[in-house]
Protein backbone atom coordinates (compact mmCIF):
# COMPACT_ATOMS: atom_id res chain seq x y z
CA MET A 1 -82.29 26.93 -33.85
CA ALA A 2 -80.37 23.80 -32.83
CA LYS A 3 -80.27 22.13 -29.45
CA LEU A 4 -77.00 22.31 -27.54
CA ALA A 5 -74.92 19.15 -27.54
CA GLY A 6 -74.20 17.54 -24.17
CA SER A 7 -76.12 17.73 -20.92
CA ALA A 8 -76.43 20.38 -18.21
CA GLY A 9 -76.75 17.60 -15.62
CA VAL A 10 -78.47 17.87 -12.26
CA PRO A 11 -77.49 20.35 -9.52
CA VAL A 12 -74.48 19.37 -7.37
CA LEU A 13 -74.22 15.73 -8.45
CA GLY A 14 -73.94 16.62 -12.13
CA ASP A 15 -71.32 19.33 -11.65
CA LYS A 16 -68.13 18.93 -13.72
CA SER A 17 -66.10 21.77 -12.19
CA LEU A 18 -63.45 19.47 -10.70
CA ASP A 19 -62.93 17.61 -13.98
CA PHE A 20 -62.56 20.92 -15.77
CA TYR A 21 -60.12 22.39 -13.23
CA ARG A 22 -57.89 19.31 -13.35
CA ASP A 23 -57.21 19.67 -17.08
CA PRO A 24 -59.08 22.50 -18.85
CA VAL A 25 -57.48 21.89 -22.24
CA GLY A 26 -58.00 18.13 -22.15
CA PHE A 27 -61.55 18.51 -20.82
CA CYS A 28 -62.59 20.75 -23.72
CA GLN A 29 -60.86 18.64 -26.37
CA GLN A 30 -62.56 15.51 -25.06
CA LYS A 31 -65.97 17.19 -25.27
CA ILE A 32 -65.24 18.56 -28.75
CA ASP A 33 -64.32 15.09 -29.96
CA LYS A 34 -67.31 13.49 -28.25
CA HIS A 35 -69.92 15.95 -29.56
CA ARG A 36 -68.16 16.62 -32.88
CA GLY A 37 -68.67 20.32 -32.39
CA ARG A 38 -67.06 23.32 -30.70
CA VAL A 39 -70.14 24.54 -28.78
CA PHE A 40 -71.55 22.26 -26.07
CA GLN A 41 -73.06 22.35 -22.59
CA CYS A 42 -72.35 20.86 -19.17
CA ARG A 43 -72.63 21.98 -15.53
CA VAL A 44 -69.82 24.12 -14.06
CA LEU A 45 -69.90 26.10 -10.82
CA ASN A 46 -73.24 24.32 -10.32
CA ARG A 47 -74.76 26.28 -13.21
CA ALA A 48 -75.83 25.01 -16.62
CA THR A 49 -73.03 26.35 -18.82
CA VAL A 50 -72.29 26.64 -22.51
CA PHE A 51 -68.67 26.14 -23.57
CA VAL A 52 -67.61 28.24 -26.54
CA CYS A 53 -64.63 26.86 -28.46
CA SER A 54 -65.22 28.37 -31.91
CA VAL A 55 -64.31 31.75 -33.38
CA ARG A 56 -67.83 32.26 -34.76
CA ALA A 57 -69.53 31.73 -31.39
CA MET A 58 -66.91 33.84 -29.60
CA ARG A 59 -67.54 36.73 -32.01
CA GLU A 60 -71.26 36.58 -31.30
CA LEU A 61 -70.73 36.31 -27.54
CA LEU A 62 -68.27 39.19 -27.16
CA CYS A 63 -69.26 41.48 -30.03
CA GLU A 64 -72.63 41.09 -31.69
CA LYS A 65 -74.53 39.95 -28.57
CA SER A 66 -72.44 41.50 -25.81
CA ASN A 67 -75.54 43.24 -24.39
CA THR A 68 -77.29 39.89 -24.01
CA PHE A 69 -74.43 38.04 -22.37
CA GLN A 70 -73.38 39.99 -19.27
CA LYS A 71 -70.53 39.71 -16.81
CA ASP A 72 -71.62 38.19 -13.51
CA PRO A 73 -72.02 41.02 -10.95
CA THR A 74 -71.78 38.55 -8.06
CA ASP A 75 -68.43 36.98 -8.94
CA LEU A 76 -65.44 37.23 -6.65
CA MET A 77 -63.51 39.55 -8.94
CA THR A 78 -66.18 42.23 -8.60
CA ASN A 79 -66.31 41.81 -4.84
CA MET A 80 -62.52 42.11 -4.50
CA TYR A 81 -61.84 44.88 -7.03
CA GLY A 82 -65.13 46.73 -7.32
CA ASP A 83 -66.48 48.24 -10.53
CA THR A 84 -63.59 48.33 -12.98
CA VAL A 85 -63.24 48.18 -16.74
CA VAL A 86 -63.09 44.36 -16.60
CA THR A 87 -66.09 43.82 -14.32
CA THR A 88 -68.68 46.31 -15.62
CA ASN A 89 -71.08 45.91 -18.55
CA GLY A 90 -72.42 47.89 -21.46
CA GLU A 91 -72.13 51.67 -21.64
CA GLU A 92 -70.39 51.96 -18.28
CA ALA A 93 -67.59 49.66 -19.45
CA TYR A 94 -67.33 51.54 -22.75
CA LEU A 95 -67.00 54.93 -21.04
CA LEU A 96 -64.39 53.59 -18.62
CA ARG A 97 -62.39 52.17 -21.51
CA LEU A 98 -62.63 55.49 -23.34
CA SER A 99 -61.25 57.38 -20.35
CA LEU A 100 -58.43 54.93 -19.66
CA THR A 101 -57.33 54.58 -23.30
CA THR A 102 -55.73 58.03 -23.24
CA LEU A 103 -53.18 56.77 -20.70
CA PHE A 104 -52.02 53.94 -22.96
CA THR A 105 -51.25 55.86 -26.14
CA GLY A 106 -48.91 58.51 -27.52
CA SER A 107 -46.78 60.55 -25.17
CA CYS A 108 -47.93 58.63 -22.09
CA LEU A 109 -46.31 55.47 -23.45
CA LYS A 110 -43.23 57.20 -24.83
CA SER A 111 -42.49 58.79 -21.47
CA SER A 112 -42.02 55.32 -19.99
CA ASN A 113 -39.56 54.05 -22.61
CA ASP A 114 -36.40 54.84 -20.63
CA TYR A 115 -37.71 53.08 -17.53
CA ILE A 116 -38.82 50.01 -19.50
CA THR A 117 -35.42 49.86 -21.22
CA SER A 118 -33.43 50.08 -17.99
CA VAL A 119 -35.52 47.43 -16.20
CA CYS A 120 -35.38 45.03 -19.15
CA GLU A 121 -31.64 45.40 -19.58
CA ARG A 122 -31.00 44.82 -15.89
CA HIS A 123 -33.19 41.72 -15.70
CA LEU A 124 -32.54 40.12 -19.06
CA LYS A 125 -29.16 41.13 -20.45
CA ASP A 126 -27.20 38.36 -18.71
CA LEU A 127 -30.00 35.79 -18.37
CA SER A 128 -28.49 33.46 -20.97
CA LEU A 129 -25.10 33.63 -19.22
CA SER A 130 -26.42 32.24 -15.94
CA GLY A 131 -24.26 29.55 -14.41
CA ARG A 132 -27.25 27.31 -13.79
CA PRO A 133 -30.51 26.61 -15.64
CA PRO A 134 -32.86 29.54 -14.98
CA CYS A 135 -36.57 29.25 -14.31
CA LEU A 136 -37.78 31.44 -17.15
CA TYR A 137 -41.31 31.89 -15.87
CA SER A 138 -40.10 33.11 -12.44
CA ALA A 139 -37.51 35.42 -14.00
CA PHE A 140 -40.05 36.97 -16.35
CA LYS A 141 -42.59 37.32 -13.54
CA ARG A 142 -40.07 39.31 -11.48
CA LEU A 143 -39.46 41.51 -14.50
CA GLY A 144 -43.20 42.03 -15.00
CA THR A 145 -43.74 42.86 -11.33
CA GLU A 146 -41.05 45.53 -11.35
CA LEU A 147 -42.42 47.05 -14.54
CA VAL A 148 -46.02 47.08 -13.29
CA LEU A 149 -45.19 48.75 -9.96
CA GLY A 150 -42.88 51.27 -11.59
CA LEU A 151 -45.19 52.18 -14.45
CA PHE A 152 -48.53 52.21 -12.67
CA LEU A 153 -47.63 53.22 -9.12
CA ASN A 154 -44.30 55.09 -9.42
CA VAL A 155 -42.70 52.63 -7.00
CA ARG A 156 -39.29 51.63 -8.33
CA ALA A 157 -37.29 48.82 -6.78
CA GLU A 158 -33.97 50.67 -6.82
CA GLU A 159 -35.35 53.91 -5.36
CA GLN A 160 -37.78 52.54 -2.74
CA PRO A 161 -36.69 48.93 -2.03
CA GLN A 162 -38.59 48.54 1.26
CA LEU A 163 -41.89 49.85 -0.08
CA PHE A 164 -41.41 47.84 -3.27
CA GLN A 165 -40.93 44.58 -1.33
CA GLU A 166 -43.89 45.34 0.92
CA ILE A 167 -46.18 45.84 -2.08
CA VAL A 168 -44.90 42.67 -3.76
CA GLN A 169 -45.67 40.66 -0.63
CA LEU A 170 -49.10 42.25 -0.27
CA CYS A 171 -49.95 41.58 -3.93
CA THR A 172 -48.90 37.95 -3.54
CA GLN A 173 -50.99 37.60 -0.38
CA HIS A 174 -53.93 39.24 -2.10
CA TRP A 175 -53.68 36.94 -5.12
CA HIS A 176 -53.35 33.74 -3.09
CA GLY A 177 -56.46 34.71 -1.18
CA LEU A 178 -58.35 35.33 -4.42
CA ILE A 179 -57.72 31.79 -5.65
CA SER A 180 -58.53 30.19 -2.30
CA ALA A 181 -61.95 29.33 -0.91
CA PRO A 182 -63.86 32.62 -0.33
CA VAL A 183 -64.30 32.06 3.42
CA ASN A 184 -63.51 34.97 5.72
CA VAL A 185 -62.44 33.33 9.00
CA LYS A 186 -60.18 34.64 11.76
CA VAL A 187 -59.37 32.80 14.98
CA PRO A 188 -56.44 33.19 17.37
CA LEU A 189 -53.14 32.26 15.65
CA TRP A 190 -54.83 31.51 12.30
CA SER A 191 -56.68 33.30 9.49
CA SER A 192 -58.09 31.92 6.26
CA GLY A 193 -56.37 32.78 2.99
CA PHE A 194 -59.35 34.84 1.93
CA SER A 195 -59.27 36.78 5.20
CA ASN A 196 -55.58 37.50 4.67
CA ALA A 197 -56.38 38.67 1.14
CA LEU A 198 -58.89 41.19 2.49
CA ASP A 199 -56.29 42.52 4.94
CA ALA A 200 -53.74 42.78 2.13
CA ARG A 201 -56.26 44.61 -0.04
CA ASP A 202 -56.93 47.17 2.71
CA ARG A 203 -53.21 47.87 3.11
CA LEU A 204 -52.71 48.11 -0.66
CA MET A 205 -55.60 50.55 -0.91
CA ASP A 206 -53.98 52.74 1.77
CA ILE A 207 -50.75 52.86 -0.25
CA ILE A 208 -52.63 53.52 -3.50
CA LYS A 209 -54.73 56.34 -2.04
CA ASP A 210 -51.60 57.98 -0.64
CA LYS A 211 -50.00 57.81 -4.09
CA LEU A 212 -53.08 59.28 -5.77
CA LYS A 213 -53.11 62.10 -3.27
CA ASN A 214 -49.42 63.01 -3.36
CA ASP A 215 -47.97 61.91 -6.72
CA THR A 216 -48.48 64.25 -9.66
CA GLN A 217 -46.17 62.52 -12.15
CA GLY A 218 -46.55 59.44 -14.32
CA PHE A 219 -49.52 57.14 -14.68
CA VAL A 220 -50.76 57.52 -11.11
CA GLY A 221 -50.71 61.31 -11.42
CA SER A 222 -52.61 61.24 -14.73
CA LEU A 223 -55.15 58.69 -13.50
CA GLY A 224 -56.30 60.98 -10.70
CA SER A 225 -57.29 63.64 -13.23
CA LEU A 226 -59.43 61.41 -15.47
CA PRO A 227 -63.24 61.76 -15.61
CA LEU A 228 -64.10 58.53 -13.77
CA PRO A 229 -67.53 57.50 -12.38
CA ASP A 230 -66.78 58.11 -8.69
CA SER A 231 -64.02 58.91 -6.23
CA SER A 232 -63.11 55.27 -5.62
CA SER A 233 -62.73 54.33 -9.29
CA ALA A 234 -59.09 55.42 -9.65
CA SER A 235 -57.93 53.45 -6.60
CA GLN A 236 -59.92 50.37 -7.65
CA HIS A 237 -58.33 50.41 -11.10
CA LEU A 238 -54.84 50.84 -9.67
CA LEU A 239 -55.43 47.86 -7.38
CA LEU A 240 -56.31 45.85 -10.48
CA PHE A 241 -53.35 47.15 -12.53
CA ILE A 242 -50.74 46.30 -9.89
CA SER A 243 -52.21 42.88 -9.14
CA ALA A 244 -50.39 39.66 -9.96
CA LEU A 245 -52.42 39.25 -13.16
CA ILE A 246 -50.30 41.34 -15.53
CA PRO A 247 -46.90 39.94 -14.42
CA LYS A 248 -48.30 36.41 -14.70
CA ALA A 249 -49.66 37.06 -18.19
CA LEU A 250 -46.44 38.66 -19.31
CA ALA A 251 -44.31 35.87 -17.84
CA SER A 252 -46.47 33.27 -19.56
CA LEU A 253 -46.21 34.98 -22.96
CA LEU A 254 -42.47 35.58 -22.73
CA THR A 255 -41.78 32.02 -21.62
CA SER A 256 -43.82 30.66 -24.53
CA PHE A 257 -42.11 33.10 -26.90
CA THR A 258 -38.67 32.00 -25.76
CA LEU A 259 -39.47 28.32 -26.14
CA ALA A 260 -41.18 28.78 -29.49
CA LEU A 261 -38.05 30.34 -31.01
CA SER A 262 -35.50 28.20 -29.19
CA GLY A 263 -35.45 25.36 -31.69
CA ASN A 264 -35.45 27.32 -34.94
CA GLU A 265 -32.45 29.45 -35.80
CA GLN A 266 -34.12 30.79 -38.95
CA HIS A 267 -37.20 32.05 -37.08
CA ARG A 268 -34.97 33.55 -34.40
CA ARG A 269 -32.75 35.47 -36.82
CA ARG A 270 -35.68 36.73 -38.83
CA ALA A 271 -37.48 37.94 -35.69
CA ALA A 272 -34.34 39.81 -34.63
CA GLU A 273 -34.02 41.56 -37.98
CA ASP A 274 -37.64 42.13 -39.06
CA PRO A 275 -40.04 43.99 -36.68
CA ASP A 276 -43.09 42.99 -38.74
CA TYR A 277 -42.16 39.33 -38.53
CA LEU A 278 -41.52 39.71 -34.79
CA ARG A 279 -45.08 40.96 -34.34
CA ARG A 280 -46.40 37.98 -36.30
CA VAL A 281 -44.41 35.69 -34.01
CA LEU A 282 -45.95 37.39 -30.98
CA LEU A 283 -49.45 36.96 -32.38
CA GLU A 284 -48.80 33.29 -33.05
CA VAL A 285 -47.45 32.80 -29.51
CA GLN A 286 -50.58 34.43 -28.07
CA ARG A 287 -52.75 32.25 -30.32
CA LEU A 288 -51.16 28.94 -29.37
CA TRP A 289 -50.46 29.61 -25.70
CA PRO A 290 -52.87 32.27 -24.35
CA PRO A 291 -51.86 33.21 -20.79
CA PHE A 292 -55.37 32.98 -19.32
CA ILE A 293 -58.10 30.50 -19.86
CA GLY A 294 -60.92 32.64 -21.25
CA GLY A 295 -63.92 34.48 -19.85
CA ARG A 296 -67.36 33.96 -18.40
CA ARG A 297 -70.78 35.51 -19.05
CA ILE A 298 -74.40 35.02 -17.98
CA ALA A 299 -77.26 34.99 -20.50
CA ASP A 300 -79.59 37.88 -19.66
CA GLU A 301 -82.33 36.45 -21.89
CA ASP A 302 -82.94 33.55 -24.26
CA SER A 303 -80.56 33.82 -27.19
CA THR A 304 -78.42 31.83 -29.63
CA LEU A 305 -74.71 31.26 -30.22
CA ALA A 306 -73.55 29.81 -33.54
CA GLY A 307 -77.15 28.72 -34.15
CA PHE A 308 -77.56 26.91 -30.80
CA HIS A 309 -80.28 27.90 -28.35
CA VAL A 310 -78.94 29.35 -25.07
CA PRO A 311 -81.64 29.70 -22.37
CA LYS A 312 -81.81 32.67 -20.02
CA ASP A 313 -79.58 32.41 -16.92
CA TYR A 314 -77.22 29.91 -18.53
CA GLY A 315 -73.54 30.56 -17.96
CA VAL A 316 -71.27 30.86 -20.99
CA ILE A 317 -67.52 30.25 -20.91
CA TYR A 318 -65.27 30.92 -23.90
CA ILE A 319 -62.02 28.93 -23.86
CA SER A 320 -59.18 30.87 -25.48
CA HIS A 321 -56.96 27.84 -26.11
CA SER A 322 -59.73 26.08 -28.04
CA VAL A 323 -61.02 29.17 -29.86
CA HIS A 324 -57.50 29.96 -31.04
CA ARG A 325 -57.23 26.49 -32.58
CA ASP A 326 -60.54 26.53 -34.46
CA PRO A 327 -59.82 24.73 -37.76
CA GLU A 328 -62.54 26.73 -39.53
CA VAL A 329 -60.31 29.81 -39.21
CA PHE A 330 -56.79 28.44 -38.76
CA GLU A 331 -55.26 25.95 -41.15
CA GLN A 332 -52.99 23.50 -39.32
CA PRO A 333 -54.20 24.99 -36.01
CA ASP A 334 -51.70 23.13 -33.80
CA HIS A 335 -48.65 24.26 -35.78
CA PHE A 336 -46.49 27.30 -35.03
CA LEU A 337 -46.81 29.31 -38.27
CA PRO A 338 -46.16 33.06 -37.79
CA GLU A 339 -46.68 33.59 -41.53
CA ARG A 340 -50.42 32.98 -41.10
CA TRP A 341 -50.79 36.50 -39.62
CA SER A 342 -50.07 38.18 -42.93
CA GLY A 343 -53.06 36.67 -44.69
CA ARG A 344 -56.70 35.60 -44.44
CA GLU A 345 -56.42 34.16 -40.93
CA ARG A 346 -55.25 37.47 -39.50
CA VAL A 347 -58.28 39.32 -40.86
CA LEU A 348 -60.79 36.69 -39.70
CA PHE A 349 -59.43 36.31 -36.21
CA LEU A 350 -58.54 39.91 -35.35
CA GLU A 351 -62.01 41.00 -36.42
CA ALA A 352 -63.45 38.40 -34.06
CA ARG A 353 -61.22 39.51 -31.19
CA HIS A 354 -62.20 43.19 -31.37
CA VAL A 355 -64.10 43.49 -28.10
CA ASP A 356 -64.70 46.96 -26.70
CA HIS A 357 -64.66 45.82 -23.07
CA VAL A 358 -61.13 44.47 -23.15
CA ASP A 359 -59.46 46.31 -26.01
CA HIS A 360 -57.24 48.50 -23.88
CA VAL A 361 -56.10 45.64 -21.63
CA ASP A 362 -54.98 43.65 -24.66
CA HIS A 363 -53.26 46.75 -26.03
CA VAL A 364 -51.29 47.42 -22.85
CA ASP A 365 -50.21 43.81 -22.57
CA HIS A 366 -49.16 43.76 -26.23
CA VAL A 367 -47.16 47.01 -25.94
CA ASP A 368 -45.31 45.69 -22.90
CA HIS A 369 -44.80 42.35 -24.61
CA VAL A 370 -43.26 43.82 -27.78
CA ASP A 371 -41.04 46.16 -25.79
CA HIS A 372 -39.73 43.37 -23.56
CA VAL A 373 -39.08 41.03 -26.45
CA ASP A 374 -36.85 43.60 -28.09
CA HIS A 375 -34.60 43.20 -25.04
CA VAL A 376 -35.12 39.54 -24.19
CA ASP A 377 -32.71 38.29 -26.80
CA HIS A 378 -31.82 41.35 -28.71
CA VAL A 379 -33.03 38.45 -29.95
CA ASP A 380 -29.87 36.29 -30.11
CA HIS A 381 -29.79 34.81 -26.59
CA ILE A 382 -33.20 33.16 -26.75
CA GLY A 383 -31.98 29.83 -28.06
CA HIS A 384 -29.40 29.32 -25.33
CA VAL A 385 -31.76 30.43 -22.57
CA ALA A 386 -34.43 27.95 -23.64
CA HIS A 387 -32.01 25.06 -24.08
CA VAL A 388 -30.79 25.36 -20.48
CA ALA A 389 -34.17 26.21 -18.93
CA HIS A 390 -35.81 22.78 -19.41
CA VAL A 391 -39.33 24.23 -19.35
CA ASP A 392 -42.15 22.10 -20.76
CA HIS A 393 -44.83 23.89 -22.83
CA VAL A 394 -47.57 21.49 -21.76
CA ASP A 395 -46.85 21.69 -18.05
CA HIS A 396 -46.53 25.47 -18.22
CA VAL A 397 -49.80 26.01 -20.08
CA ALA A 398 -51.66 23.60 -17.81
CA HIS A 399 -50.35 25.40 -14.74
CA VAL A 400 -51.38 28.83 -15.97
CA SER A 401 -54.79 27.54 -17.06
CA THR A 402 -55.83 26.43 -13.58
CA ILE A 403 -56.79 29.95 -12.48
CA ALA A 404 -60.11 29.67 -10.68
CA LEU A 405 -63.27 30.31 -12.66
CA ASN A 406 -64.75 32.49 -9.97
CA GLY A 407 -61.75 34.77 -10.37
CA PRO A 408 -61.06 37.38 -13.05
CA THR A 409 -63.43 36.96 -15.94
CA GLU A 410 -62.12 39.34 -18.56
CA HIS A 411 -58.50 38.85 -17.64
CA TRP A 412 -58.87 35.35 -18.95
CA SER A 413 -58.83 36.67 -22.46
């Protein structure tokens, strides 16, 4: 059992949270280079914390030792969303996933195809013909928002424009409060961002409960009939599903996808003609530019990760960007090579990523992602869109990666 590289520092004065938030990717790479290893420790959120940047350690953390390393029940995500599939642990999380999985397979997905097609065509068909350079991330986020509200809540922009806009504004207010300081303050003429987020959540929950009570069709109608732990579980999950998280993830992936194919006509043509190759491209995009930073756990007892001793009560953070570039699994880890997903690297990595707690979330995001990409270019317009967009991969990834660590743990994956 080896000792962790680095130092946990002293409380408060030794905390490195600010350094990490400023540049998560650069922070981790600097530590990897300094310690010559992909598992190290420092102090974040004023807690001694292990950083996991290797596939082997991630597999142990999320699969083999998932009962030892638990999600933090006191984090802000739990307080704001309650007990959901991404905040619970162990058997409870497994049973929730089992119940929800039925809504993301077979006929439930097929019934949404027409809606997905119409929304994608309306948003994306003429994107490359815009008279001025488009902001791809914003355009894709609007697309994702409309899809999420239509699919999960039966609120469609063309049919209920006022309600749609109200929910969009409430979701934005809720999200901005989540990533602000968690201080609930109200005084005349001013309220804290967190206080506004709580008000937005209450209004969103009123809308969601009304939908659960009165809608019998679609996802919201099916969700109300599932065997869930308690009466509030359905509304809590809907609040999570319509949050800004999914549109942001989708927008990040689609922007990276567009840019990755923009400079290579051969890749672009092959992706348009070969569905299997398109899926390999999507996997490579998710590997190189994951939309969220990772996830966080707490050690429930003394344990090990990749042979390093992890004391009880230590925090553990896995960093997706670094894990996905582990040279022990991926040859030429910084290169865009879709072909890697047809060989050894696919087997090694996908086995490591198979985590019961988050399986269905990854599946939903991937289904949406594939479906959208079929329309984004059909795939011919991608090159022109990217050439006029002037979006920088590095700036984009750094922006998306600054999501607060006391926010959604499992949605970082």
